[in-house]
Amino acid sequence: MTVALGPGYAESWAHDYVIGSLGSRTVDQALAAGLDTKMVWRAVHRELGLPPSAR
């Protein structure tokens, strides 16, 4: 996320942006709830529309 959004915005985005496929949680909430990091990254990847090379 830092590469895609920059260091300051990535942190804010992870804290504030709610992703439906993560159970309507933010990245921070999903990770704190114990969701698998690969699952969280895949959801972030889709939300940001990152290229396949960023997987």
N, C-alpha and C. Protein backbone atom coordinates (compact mmCIF):
# COMPACT_ATOMS: atom_id res chain seq x y z
N MET A 1 0.82 -1.18 0.00
CA MET A 1 0.00 0.00 0.00
C MET A 1 0.86 1.25 0.00
N THR A 2 1.98 1.19 0.68
CA THR A 2 2.85 2.35 0.74
C THR A 2 3.36 2.73 -0.65
N VAL A 3 3.67 1.74 -1.47
CA VAL A 3 4.14 2.02 -2.83
C VAL A 3 3.02 2.65 -3.65
N ALA A 4 1.81 2.13 -3.52
CA ALA A 4 0.69 2.62 -4.31
C ALA A 4 0.16 3.97 -3.84
N LEU A 5 0.15 4.19 -2.53
CA LEU A 5 -0.50 5.39 -1.98
C LEU A 5 0.44 6.40 -1.34
N GLY A 6 1.67 6.00 -1.11
CA GLY A 6 2.59 6.87 -0.37
C GLY A 6 2.48 6.58 1.11
N PRO A 7 3.54 6.85 1.86
CA PRO A 7 3.58 6.45 3.27
C PRO A 7 2.51 7.08 4.16
N GLY A 8 2.28 8.35 4.03
CA GLY A 8 1.30 9.01 4.89
C GLY A 8 -0.12 8.61 4.57
N TYR A 9 -0.46 8.58 3.29
CA TYR A 9 -1.83 8.26 2.90
C TYR A 9 -2.13 6.79 3.11
N ALA A 10 -1.17 5.91 2.91
CA ALA A 10 -1.40 4.47 3.10
C ALA A 10 -1.85 4.19 4.54
N GLU A 11 -1.20 4.81 5.48
CA GLU A 11 -1.56 4.61 6.89
C GLU A 11 -2.97 5.12 7.17
N SER A 12 -3.28 6.29 6.65
CA SER A 12 -4.61 6.86 6.84
C SER A 12 -5.68 6.00 6.16
N TRP A 13 -5.40 5.57 4.95
CA TRP A 13 -6.34 4.75 4.18
C TRP A 13 -6.62 3.45 4.91
N ALA A 14 -5.59 2.80 5.42
CA ALA A 14 -5.74 1.53 6.14
C ALA A 14 -6.59 1.71 7.40
N HIS A 15 -6.53 2.88 7.97
CA HIS A 15 -7.27 3.16 9.21
C HIS A 15 -8.72 3.58 8.93
N ASP A 16 -8.95 4.26 7.81
CA ASP A 16 -10.26 4.89 7.58
C ASP A 16 -11.13 4.26 6.50
N TYR A 17 -10.54 3.63 5.50
CA TYR A 17 -11.31 3.16 4.35
C TYR A 17 -11.94 1.80 4.62
N VAL A 18 -13.26 1.72 4.55
CA VAL A 18 -14.01 0.49 4.82
C VAL A 18 -14.14 -0.31 3.52
N ILE A 19 -13.81 -1.60 3.61
CA ILE A 19 -13.87 -2.49 2.46
C ILE A 19 -14.96 -3.54 2.72
N GLY A 20 -15.96 -3.57 1.88
CA GLY A 20 -17.08 -4.47 2.05
C GLY A 20 -16.69 -5.93 2.11
N SER A 21 -15.75 -6.33 1.27
CA SER A 21 -15.36 -7.74 1.21
C SER A 21 -14.57 -8.18 2.44
N LEU A 22 -14.22 -7.25 3.29
CA LEU A 22 -13.56 -7.57 4.56
C LEU A 22 -14.57 -7.51 5.71
N GLY A 23 -15.83 -7.69 5.38
CA GLY A 23 -16.87 -7.64 6.41
C GLY A 23 -17.17 -6.22 6.84
N SER A 24 -17.04 -5.30 5.89
CA SER A 24 -17.24 -3.86 6.15
C SER A 24 -16.30 -3.38 7.25
N ARG A 25 -15.05 -3.78 7.12
CA ARG A 25 -14.00 -3.36 8.05
C ARG A 25 -12.94 -2.58 7.29
N THR A 26 -12.18 -1.84 8.03
CA THR A 26 -10.98 -1.22 7.46
C THR A 26 -9.87 -2.26 7.46
N VAL A 27 -8.77 -1.96 6.80
CA VAL A 27 -7.62 -2.87 6.81
C VAL A 27 -7.15 -3.09 8.24
N ASP A 28 -7.03 -2.01 8.99
CA ASP A 28 -6.57 -2.13 10.38
C ASP A 28 -7.52 -3.02 11.20
N GLN A 29 -8.81 -2.83 11.04
CA GLN A 29 -9.79 -3.63 11.78
C GLN A 29 -9.73 -5.10 11.36
N ALA A 30 -9.59 -5.34 10.07
CA ALA A 30 -9.54 -6.71 9.56
C ALA A 30 -8.32 -7.44 10.12
N LEU A 31 -7.19 -6.79 10.11
CA LEU A 31 -5.98 -7.42 10.64
C LEU A 31 -6.09 -7.63 12.15
N ALA A 32 -6.65 -6.68 12.85
CA ALA A 32 -6.82 -6.82 14.30
C ALA A 32 -7.79 -7.95 14.64
N ALA A 33 -8.74 -8.21 13.74
CA ALA A 33 -9.71 -9.28 13.96
C ALA A 33 -9.13 -10.65 13.58
N GLY A 34 -7.91 -10.65 13.05
CA GLY A 34 -7.25 -11.91 12.75
C GLY A 34 -7.47 -12.44 11.34
N LEU A 35 -8.02 -11.62 10.44
CA LEU A 35 -8.17 -12.07 9.07
C LEU A 35 -6.80 -12.32 8.46
N ASP A 36 -6.75 -13.29 7.57
CA ASP A 36 -5.51 -13.67 6.91
C ASP A 36 -4.95 -12.48 6.11
N THR A 37 -3.67 -12.22 6.26
CA THR A 37 -3.06 -11.06 5.59
C THR A 37 -3.16 -11.16 4.07
N LYS A 38 -3.09 -12.37 3.52
CA LYS A 38 -3.22 -12.51 2.07
C LYS A 38 -4.62 -12.13 1.62
N MET A 39 -5.61 -12.51 2.39
CA MET A 39 -6.99 -12.15 2.08
C MET A 39 -7.18 -10.63 2.12
N VAL A 40 -6.60 -10.01 3.13
CA VAL A 40 -6.70 -8.55 3.27
C VAL A 40 -6.00 -7.88 2.09
N TRP A 41 -4.82 -8.35 1.73
CA TRP A 41 -4.08 -7.74 0.63
C TRP A 41 -4.85 -7.89 -0.68
N ARG A 42 -5.46 -9.05 -0.91
CA ARG A 42 -6.24 -9.25 -2.14
C ARG A 42 -7.41 -8.26 -2.20
N ALA A 43 -8.04 -8.01 -1.07
CA ALA A 43 -9.14 -7.04 -1.03
C ALA A 43 -8.63 -5.63 -1.32
N VAL A 44 -7.51 -5.28 -0.74
CA VAL A 44 -6.90 -3.97 -0.98
C VAL A 44 -6.53 -3.85 -2.45
N HIS A 45 -5.93 -4.87 -2.99
CA HIS A 45 -5.50 -4.90 -4.39
C HIS A 45 -6.69 -4.63 -5.31
N ARG A 46 -7.81 -5.29 -5.05
CA ARG A 46 -9.02 -5.07 -5.86
C ARG A 46 -9.55 -3.65 -5.69
N GLU A 47 -9.64 -3.18 -4.45
CA GLU A 47 -10.18 -1.84 -4.19
C GLU A 47 -9.38 -0.75 -4.88
N LEU A 48 -8.07 -0.90 -4.87
CA LEU A 48 -7.20 0.12 -5.46
C LEU A 48 -7.02 -0.07 -6.96
N GLY A 49 -7.46 -1.19 -7.50
CA GLY A 49 -7.31 -1.44 -8.93
C GLY A 49 -5.85 -1.55 -9.34
N LEU A 50 -5.06 -2.18 -8.47
CA LEU A 50 -3.63 -2.30 -8.75
C LEU A 50 -3.37 -3.33 -9.84
N PRO A 51 -2.27 -3.20 -10.56
CA PRO A 51 -1.97 -4.15 -11.63
C PRO A 51 -1.58 -5.52 -11.06
N PRO A 52 -1.71 -6.56 -11.88
CA PRO A 52 -1.35 -7.90 -11.42
C PRO A 52 0.08 -8.00 -10.86
N SER A 53 0.96 -7.20 -11.36
CA SER A 53 2.36 -7.24 -10.88
C SER A 53 2.49 -6.80 -9.43
N ALA A 54 1.47 -6.16 -8.90
CA ALA A 54 1.51 -5.68 -7.50
C ALA A 54 1.03 -6.73 -6.51
N ARG A 55 0.66 -7.89 -7.01
CA ARG A 55 0.18 -8.94 -6.10
C ARG A 55 1.33 -9.45 -5.32
